[in-house]
Amino acid sequence: MEEILNNEENCIGFSFDKLDVLGVFGGYIFIRGEINYDWENECVIKIKKVLFHKTLKEWIKEKQQYCEHFKCFCGVNNSSTSDYKEVGTTDLLCEIVDCDAPLEYKRVKIFEVNSMDTECEHG
């Protein structure tokens, strides 16, 4: 298994706007994510519950700032990190580029994250 730590060329992330919690085991939440903001390059993000809640709190704070500043429903957020390591693979039901095609299982990597950053824009 290839291990990637603090990889600045690649990042993994997810959006709370499209959050897909795949499962919860022990102290971890498993989320559908993507590599380098490419929804066709999916992965599974293994995140500690405490870090997930901290990231969610930051996301809500930033979203509120945008909504109140622009006085409308707005604020497109992504949470990402380059501080992760590969911990395995799994088969994940994924959407294929052709919208008319049925969903298919695809082998994807599982990454455990050590930190998350939240980015927000008006959107």
N, C-alpha and C. Protein backbone atom coordinates (compact mmCIF):
# COMPACT_ATOMS: atom_id res chain seq x y z
N MET A 1 0.84 -1.18 0.00
CA MET A 1 0.00 0.00 0.00
C MET A 1 0.89 1.24 0.00
N GLU A 2 0.63 2.14 -0.93
CA GLU A 2 1.39 3.38 -1.04
C GLU A 2 0.92 4.36 0.03
N GLU A 3 1.84 4.98 0.71
CA GLU A 3 1.49 5.95 1.74
C GLU A 3 1.85 7.34 1.25
N ILE A 4 0.91 8.27 1.39
CA ILE A 4 1.13 9.65 0.97
C ILE A 4 0.94 10.53 2.19
N LEU A 5 1.93 11.30 2.56
CA LEU A 5 1.82 12.22 3.69
C LEU A 5 2.21 13.63 3.24
N ASN A 6 1.43 14.61 3.69
CA ASN A 6 1.73 16.01 3.41
C ASN A 6 2.05 16.23 1.93
N ASN A 7 1.20 15.73 1.07
CA ASN A 7 1.43 15.81 -0.36
C ASN A 7 0.82 17.11 -0.89
N GLU A 8 1.66 18.07 -1.19
CA GLU A 8 1.18 19.39 -1.60
C GLU A 8 0.70 19.42 -3.05
N GLU A 9 1.09 18.44 -3.86
CA GLU A 9 0.65 18.41 -5.26
C GLU A 9 -0.77 17.89 -5.38
N ASN A 10 -1.18 17.03 -4.47
CA ASN A 10 -2.51 16.45 -4.50
C ASN A 10 -3.23 16.81 -3.21
N CYS A 11 -4.51 17.08 -3.31
CA CYS A 11 -5.29 17.28 -2.11
C CYS A 11 -6.54 16.42 -2.22
N ILE A 12 -7.10 16.10 -1.11
CA ILE A 12 -8.37 15.39 -1.08
C ILE A 12 -9.36 16.28 -0.35
N GLY A 13 -10.62 16.12 -0.65
CA GLY A 13 -11.59 16.97 0.02
C GLY A 13 -13.02 16.51 -0.19
N PHE A 14 -13.92 17.28 0.41
CA PHE A 14 -15.36 17.03 0.28
C PHE A 14 -16.08 18.35 0.47
N SER A 15 -17.33 18.38 0.11
CA SER A 15 -18.15 19.57 0.27
C SER A 15 -19.29 19.25 1.22
N PHE A 16 -19.49 20.09 2.22
CA PHE A 16 -20.64 19.90 3.11
C PHE A 16 -21.94 20.09 2.34
N ASP A 17 -21.91 20.86 1.24
CA ASP A 17 -23.10 21.07 0.43
C ASP A 17 -23.57 19.76 -0.21
N LYS A 18 -22.65 18.84 -0.44
CA LYS A 18 -22.96 17.55 -1.08
C LYS A 18 -22.48 16.39 -0.20
N LEU A 19 -22.57 16.53 1.09
CA LEU A 19 -22.01 15.56 2.02
C LEU A 19 -22.65 14.19 1.85
N ASP A 20 -21.82 13.17 1.74
CA ASP A 20 -22.27 11.78 1.64
C ASP A 20 -21.50 10.98 2.69
N VAL A 21 -22.12 10.79 3.85
CA VAL A 21 -21.51 10.00 4.91
C VAL A 21 -21.76 8.53 4.58
N LEU A 22 -20.69 7.80 4.35
CA LEU A 22 -20.79 6.40 3.95
C LEU A 22 -20.95 5.47 5.15
N GLY A 23 -20.35 5.84 6.27
CA GLY A 23 -20.43 5.00 7.45
C GLY A 23 -19.73 5.63 8.63
N VAL A 24 -20.02 5.08 9.81
CA VAL A 24 -19.40 5.54 11.04
C VAL A 24 -18.98 4.28 11.81
N PHE A 25 -17.68 4.20 12.09
CA PHE A 25 -17.13 3.06 12.82
C PHE A 25 -16.19 3.58 13.90
N GLY A 26 -16.46 3.18 15.13
CA GLY A 26 -15.60 3.62 16.23
C GLY A 26 -15.53 5.14 16.29
N GLY A 27 -14.34 5.68 16.32
CA GLY A 27 -14.15 7.13 16.42
C GLY A 27 -14.02 7.82 15.08
N TYR A 28 -14.39 7.13 13.98
CA TYR A 28 -14.19 7.68 12.64
C TYR A 28 -15.48 7.78 11.84
N ILE A 29 -15.53 8.79 10.98
CA ILE A 29 -16.60 8.96 10.01
C ILE A 29 -15.97 8.76 8.64
N PHE A 30 -16.63 8.01 7.78
CA PHE A 30 -16.14 7.75 6.42
C PHE A 30 -17.03 8.52 5.44
N ILE A 31 -16.40 9.39 4.64
CA ILE A 31 -17.11 10.33 3.77
C ILE A 31 -16.68 10.11 2.33
N ARG A 32 -17.63 10.24 1.40
CA ARG A 32 -17.27 10.22 -0.02
C ARG A 32 -16.54 11.52 -0.32
N GLY A 33 -15.35 11.42 -0.90
CA GLY A 33 -14.55 12.59 -1.21
C GLY A 33 -14.04 12.54 -2.63
N GLU A 34 -13.17 13.47 -2.94
CA GLU A 34 -12.58 13.51 -4.28
C GLU A 34 -11.13 13.95 -4.18
N ILE A 35 -10.38 13.55 -5.17
CA ILE A 35 -8.96 13.90 -5.24
C ILE A 35 -8.81 15.07 -6.19
N ASN A 36 -8.13 16.12 -5.76
CA ASN A 36 -7.85 17.31 -6.58
C ASN A 36 -9.12 17.95 -7.16
N TYR A 37 -10.18 18.02 -6.36
CA TYR A 37 -11.44 18.67 -6.75
C TYR A 37 -12.02 18.07 -8.03
N ASP A 38 -11.75 16.81 -8.31
CA ASP A 38 -12.22 16.13 -9.52
C ASP A 38 -13.26 15.09 -9.11
N TRP A 39 -14.55 15.38 -9.33
CA TRP A 39 -15.60 14.49 -8.87
C TRP A 39 -15.55 13.12 -9.55
N GLU A 40 -14.83 13.02 -10.67
CA GLU A 40 -14.69 11.72 -11.33
C GLU A 40 -13.58 10.89 -10.68
N ASN A 41 -12.77 11.51 -9.82
CA ASN A 41 -11.66 10.84 -9.15
C ASN A 41 -12.01 10.72 -7.67
N GLU A 42 -12.96 9.85 -7.38
CA GLU A 42 -13.49 9.74 -6.03
C GLU A 42 -12.58 8.96 -5.10
N CYS A 43 -12.79 9.18 -3.82
CA CYS A 43 -12.06 8.45 -2.78
C CYS A 43 -12.95 8.39 -1.55
N VAL A 44 -12.49 7.70 -0.54
CA VAL A 44 -13.16 7.68 0.75
C VAL A 44 -12.24 8.39 1.74
N ILE A 45 -12.81 9.32 2.51
CA ILE A 45 -12.06 10.06 3.51
C ILE A 45 -12.43 9.51 4.88
N LYS A 46 -11.43 9.06 5.61
CA LYS A 46 -11.58 8.57 6.98
C LYS A 46 -11.16 9.71 7.90
N ILE A 47 -12.12 10.24 8.65
CA ILE A 47 -11.85 11.42 9.48
C ILE A 47 -12.32 11.16 10.90
N LYS A 48 -11.51 11.56 11.88
CA LYS A 48 -11.91 11.42 13.27
C LYS A 48 -13.15 12.26 13.52
N LYS A 49 -14.06 11.73 14.34
CA LYS A 49 -15.30 12.45 14.65
C LYS A 49 -15.02 13.86 15.17
N VAL A 50 -14.04 14.00 16.04
CA VAL A 50 -13.70 15.31 16.62
C VAL A 50 -13.28 16.28 15.52
N LEU A 51 -12.45 15.83 14.58
CA LEU A 51 -12.00 16.69 13.48
C LEU A 51 -13.16 17.02 12.56
N PHE A 52 -14.05 16.06 12.30
CA PHE A 52 -15.22 16.32 11.46
C PHE A 52 -16.09 17.41 12.08
N HIS A 53 -16.36 17.30 13.37
CA HIS A 53 -17.20 18.30 14.04
C HIS A 53 -16.53 19.67 14.06
N LYS A 54 -15.22 19.70 14.26
CA LYS A 54 -14.48 20.97 14.24
C LYS A 54 -14.57 21.60 12.84
N THR A 55 -14.41 20.79 11.80
CA THR A 55 -14.49 21.28 10.42
C THR A 55 -15.89 21.77 10.10
N LEU A 56 -16.90 21.03 10.54
CA LEU A 56 -18.30 21.44 10.33
C LEU A 56 -18.58 22.77 11.00
N LYS A 57 -18.09 22.93 12.23
CA LYS A 57 -18.30 24.19 12.96
C LYS A 57 -17.67 25.37 12.20
N GLU A 58 -16.46 25.18 11.67
CA GLU A 58 -15.78 26.22 10.90
C GLU A 58 -16.55 26.54 9.62
N TRP A 59 -17.06 25.49 8.97
CA TRP A 59 -17.84 25.66 7.73
C TRP A 59 -19.10 26.48 8.01
N ILE A 60 -19.81 26.16 9.08
CA ILE A 60 -21.03 26.91 9.43
C ILE A 60 -20.69 28.37 9.71
N LYS A 61 -19.61 28.60 10.43
CA LYS A 61 -19.19 29.98 10.75
C LYS A 61 -18.91 30.77 9.47
N GLU A 62 -18.15 30.18 8.55
CA GLU A 62 -17.83 30.88 7.30
C GLU A 62 -19.07 31.08 6.43
N LYS A 63 -19.93 30.07 6.36
CA LYS A 63 -21.16 30.19 5.57
C LYS A 63 -22.05 31.30 6.13
N GLN A 64 -22.15 31.38 7.44
CA GLN A 64 -22.94 32.43 8.07
C GLN A 64 -22.39 33.81 7.72
N GLN A 65 -21.08 33.96 7.76
CA GLN A 65 -20.46 35.25 7.43
C GLN A 65 -20.83 35.67 6.00
N TYR A 66 -20.79 34.76 5.05
CA TYR A 66 -21.14 35.08 3.67
C TYR A 66 -22.62 35.40 3.54
N CYS A 67 -23.49 34.59 4.15
CA CYS A 67 -24.93 34.84 4.06
C CYS A 67 -25.29 36.20 4.64
N GLU A 68 -24.73 36.52 5.79
CA GLU A 68 -25.07 37.79 6.43
C GLU A 68 -24.46 38.98 5.70
N HIS A 69 -23.27 38.81 5.14
CA HIS A 69 -22.63 39.89 4.40
C HIS A 69 -23.41 40.20 3.11
N PHE A 70 -23.78 39.17 2.36
CA PHE A 70 -24.47 39.38 1.08
C PHE A 70 -25.99 39.37 1.23
N LYS A 71 -26.50 39.09 2.44
CA LYS A 71 -27.92 39.09 2.75
C LYS A 71 -28.71 38.17 1.81
N CYS A 72 -28.17 36.97 1.61
CA CYS A 72 -28.85 35.96 0.80
C CYS A 72 -28.29 34.59 1.13
N PHE A 73 -28.95 33.56 0.62
CA PHE A 73 -28.42 32.20 0.77
C PHE A 73 -27.22 32.07 -0.15
N CYS A 74 -26.06 31.92 0.39
CA CYS A 74 -24.87 31.83 -0.44
C CYS A 74 -23.74 31.19 0.34
N GLY A 75 -22.59 31.15 -0.25
CA GLY A 75 -21.42 30.59 0.40
C GLY A 75 -21.20 29.16 -0.05
N VAL A 76 -20.35 29.00 -1.03
CA VAL A 76 -19.98 27.68 -1.51
C VAL A 76 -18.69 27.30 -0.80
N ASN A 77 -18.72 26.19 -0.10
CA ASN A 77 -17.58 25.80 0.71
C ASN A 77 -17.04 24.44 0.29
N ASN A 78 -15.75 24.28 0.42
CA ASN A 78 -15.09 22.99 0.29
C ASN A 78 -14.16 22.84 1.47
N SER A 79 -14.01 21.62 1.90
CA SER A 79 -13.03 21.30 2.93
C SER A 79 -12.01 20.38 2.30
N SER A 80 -10.73 20.72 2.46
CA SER A 80 -9.69 19.93 1.81
C SER A 80 -8.45 19.86 2.69
N THR A 81 -7.54 18.98 2.29
CA THR A 81 -6.29 18.82 3.03
C THR A 81 -5.24 18.19 2.13
N SER A 82 -4.01 18.47 2.43
CA SER A 82 -2.90 17.75 1.80
C SER A 82 -2.16 16.95 2.87
N ASP A 83 -2.75 16.89 4.05
CA ASP A 83 -2.16 16.18 5.19
C ASP A 83 -2.94 14.87 5.40
N TYR A 84 -2.58 13.85 4.64
CA TYR A 84 -3.31 12.58 4.68
C TYR A 84 -2.38 11.42 4.34
N LYS A 85 -2.88 10.22 4.60
CA LYS A 85 -2.13 9.02 4.20
C LYS A 85 -3.13 7.99 3.69
N GLU A 86 -2.70 7.22 2.72
CA GLU A 86 -3.54 6.15 2.19
C GLU A 86 -3.55 5.00 3.19
N VAL A 87 -4.75 4.49 3.50
CA VAL A 87 -4.86 3.41 4.48
C VAL A 87 -5.53 2.16 3.90
N GLY A 88 -5.90 2.19 2.62
CA GLY A 88 -6.52 1.01 2.02
C GLY A 88 -7.31 1.36 0.79
N THR A 89 -8.11 0.39 0.33
CA THR A 89 -9.00 0.58 -0.80
C THR A 89 -10.34 -0.07 -0.48
N THR A 90 -11.37 0.30 -1.23
CA THR A 90 -12.69 -0.30 -1.08
C THR A 90 -13.44 -0.16 -2.39
N ASP A 91 -14.48 -0.96 -2.56
CA ASP A 91 -15.37 -0.81 -3.71
C ASP A 91 -16.46 0.18 -3.32
N LEU A 92 -16.68 1.19 -4.16
CA LEU A 92 -17.62 2.26 -3.87
C LEU A 92 -18.55 2.42 -5.06
N LEU A 93 -19.86 2.51 -4.81
CA LEU A 93 -20.83 2.74 -5.87
C LEU A 93 -20.66 4.17 -6.37
N CYS A 94 -20.31 4.33 -7.65
CA CYS A 94 -19.96 5.64 -8.20
C CYS A 94 -20.81 5.96 -9.42
N GLU A 95 -21.04 7.26 -9.60
CA GLU A 95 -21.73 7.76 -10.78
C GLU A 95 -20.71 7.81 -11.92
N ILE A 96 -21.14 7.38 -13.07
CA ILE A 96 -20.27 7.38 -14.24
C ILE A 96 -20.52 8.68 -15.01
N VAL A 97 -19.54 9.14 -15.79
CA VAL A 97 -19.63 10.41 -16.51
C VAL A 97 -20.91 10.50 -17.33
N ASP A 98 -21.26 9.44 -18.04
CA ASP A 98 -22.48 9.42 -18.85
C ASP A 98 -23.68 9.29 -17.91
N CYS A 99 -24.48 10.34 -17.80
CA CYS A 99 -25.58 10.37 -16.84
C CYS A 99 -26.61 9.28 -17.08
N ASP A 100 -26.70 8.76 -18.33
CA ASP A 100 -27.67 7.71 -18.64
C ASP A 100 -27.15 6.34 -18.24
N ALA A 101 -25.88 6.23 -17.93
CA ALA A 101 -25.29 4.95 -17.56
C ALA A 101 -25.68 4.60 -16.12
N PRO A 102 -25.81 3.32 -15.84
CA PRO A 102 -26.12 2.91 -14.46
C PRO A 102 -24.92 3.16 -13.55
N LEU A 103 -25.20 3.24 -12.26
CA LEU A 103 -24.11 3.37 -11.29
C LEU A 103 -23.28 2.09 -11.31
N GLU A 104 -22.00 2.23 -11.04
CA GLU A 104 -21.11 1.08 -11.04
C GLU A 104 -20.23 1.12 -9.80
N TYR A 105 -19.81 -0.07 -9.37
CA TYR A 105 -18.82 -0.13 -8.30
C TYR A 105 -17.45 0.12 -8.89
N LYS A 106 -16.67 0.92 -8.19
CA LYS A 106 -15.34 1.28 -8.63
C LYS A 106 -14.40 1.11 -7.44
N ARG A 107 -13.20 0.62 -7.67
CA ARG A 107 -12.20 0.48 -6.61
C ARG A 107 -11.62 1.86 -6.35
N VAL A 108 -11.72 2.34 -5.11
CA VAL A 108 -11.22 3.67 -4.75
C VAL A 108 -10.30 3.56 -3.54
N LYS A 109 -9.45 4.55 -3.38
CA LYS A 109 -8.53 4.60 -2.25
C LYS A 109 -9.23 5.17 -1.02
N ILE A 110 -8.79 4.72 0.14
CA ILE A 110 -9.24 5.27 1.42
C ILE A 110 -8.07 6.06 2.01
N PHE A 111 -8.33 7.32 2.37
CA PHE A 111 -7.31 8.18 2.95
C PHE A 111 -7.73 8.60 4.36
N GLU A 112 -6.81 8.51 5.30
CA GLU A 112 -7.05 9.04 6.64
C GLU A 112 -6.44 10.43 6.70
N VAL A 113 -7.24 11.41 7.16
CA VAL A 113 -6.78 12.79 7.20
C VAL A 113 -6.35 13.16 8.62
N ASN A 114 -5.39 14.07 8.69
CA ASN A 114 -4.90 14.56 9.99
C ASN A 114 -5.37 15.97 10.29
N SER A 115 -5.77 16.71 9.26
CA SER A 115 -6.25 18.08 9.42
C SER A 115 -7.12 18.41 8.22
N MET A 116 -7.96 19.44 8.36
CA MET A 116 -8.80 19.91 7.25
C MET A 116 -8.80 21.42 7.22
N ASP A 117 -8.87 21.99 6.01
CA ASP A 117 -9.01 23.43 5.82
C ASP A 117 -10.34 23.68 5.15
N THR A 118 -11.01 24.77 5.51
CA THR A 118 -12.28 25.12 4.90
C THR A 118 -12.08 26.39 4.07
N GLU A 119 -12.58 26.34 2.84
CA GLU A 119 -12.49 27.49 1.93
C GLU A 119 -13.90 27.88 1.53
N CYS A 120 -14.16 29.16 1.47
CA CYS A 120 -15.50 29.64 1.14
C CYS A 120 -15.42 30.74 0.11
N GLU A 121 -16.41 30.78 -0.76
CA GLU A 121 -16.54 31.88 -1.72
C GLU A 121 -18.02 32.22 -1.85
N HIS A 122 -18.33 33.34 -2.49
CA HIS A 122 -19.70 33.85 -2.53
C HIS A 122 -20.68 32.86 -3.13
N GLY A 123 -20.49 32.40 -4.30
CA GLY A 123 -21.31 31.39 -5.01
C GLY A 123 -22.76 31.34 -4.76
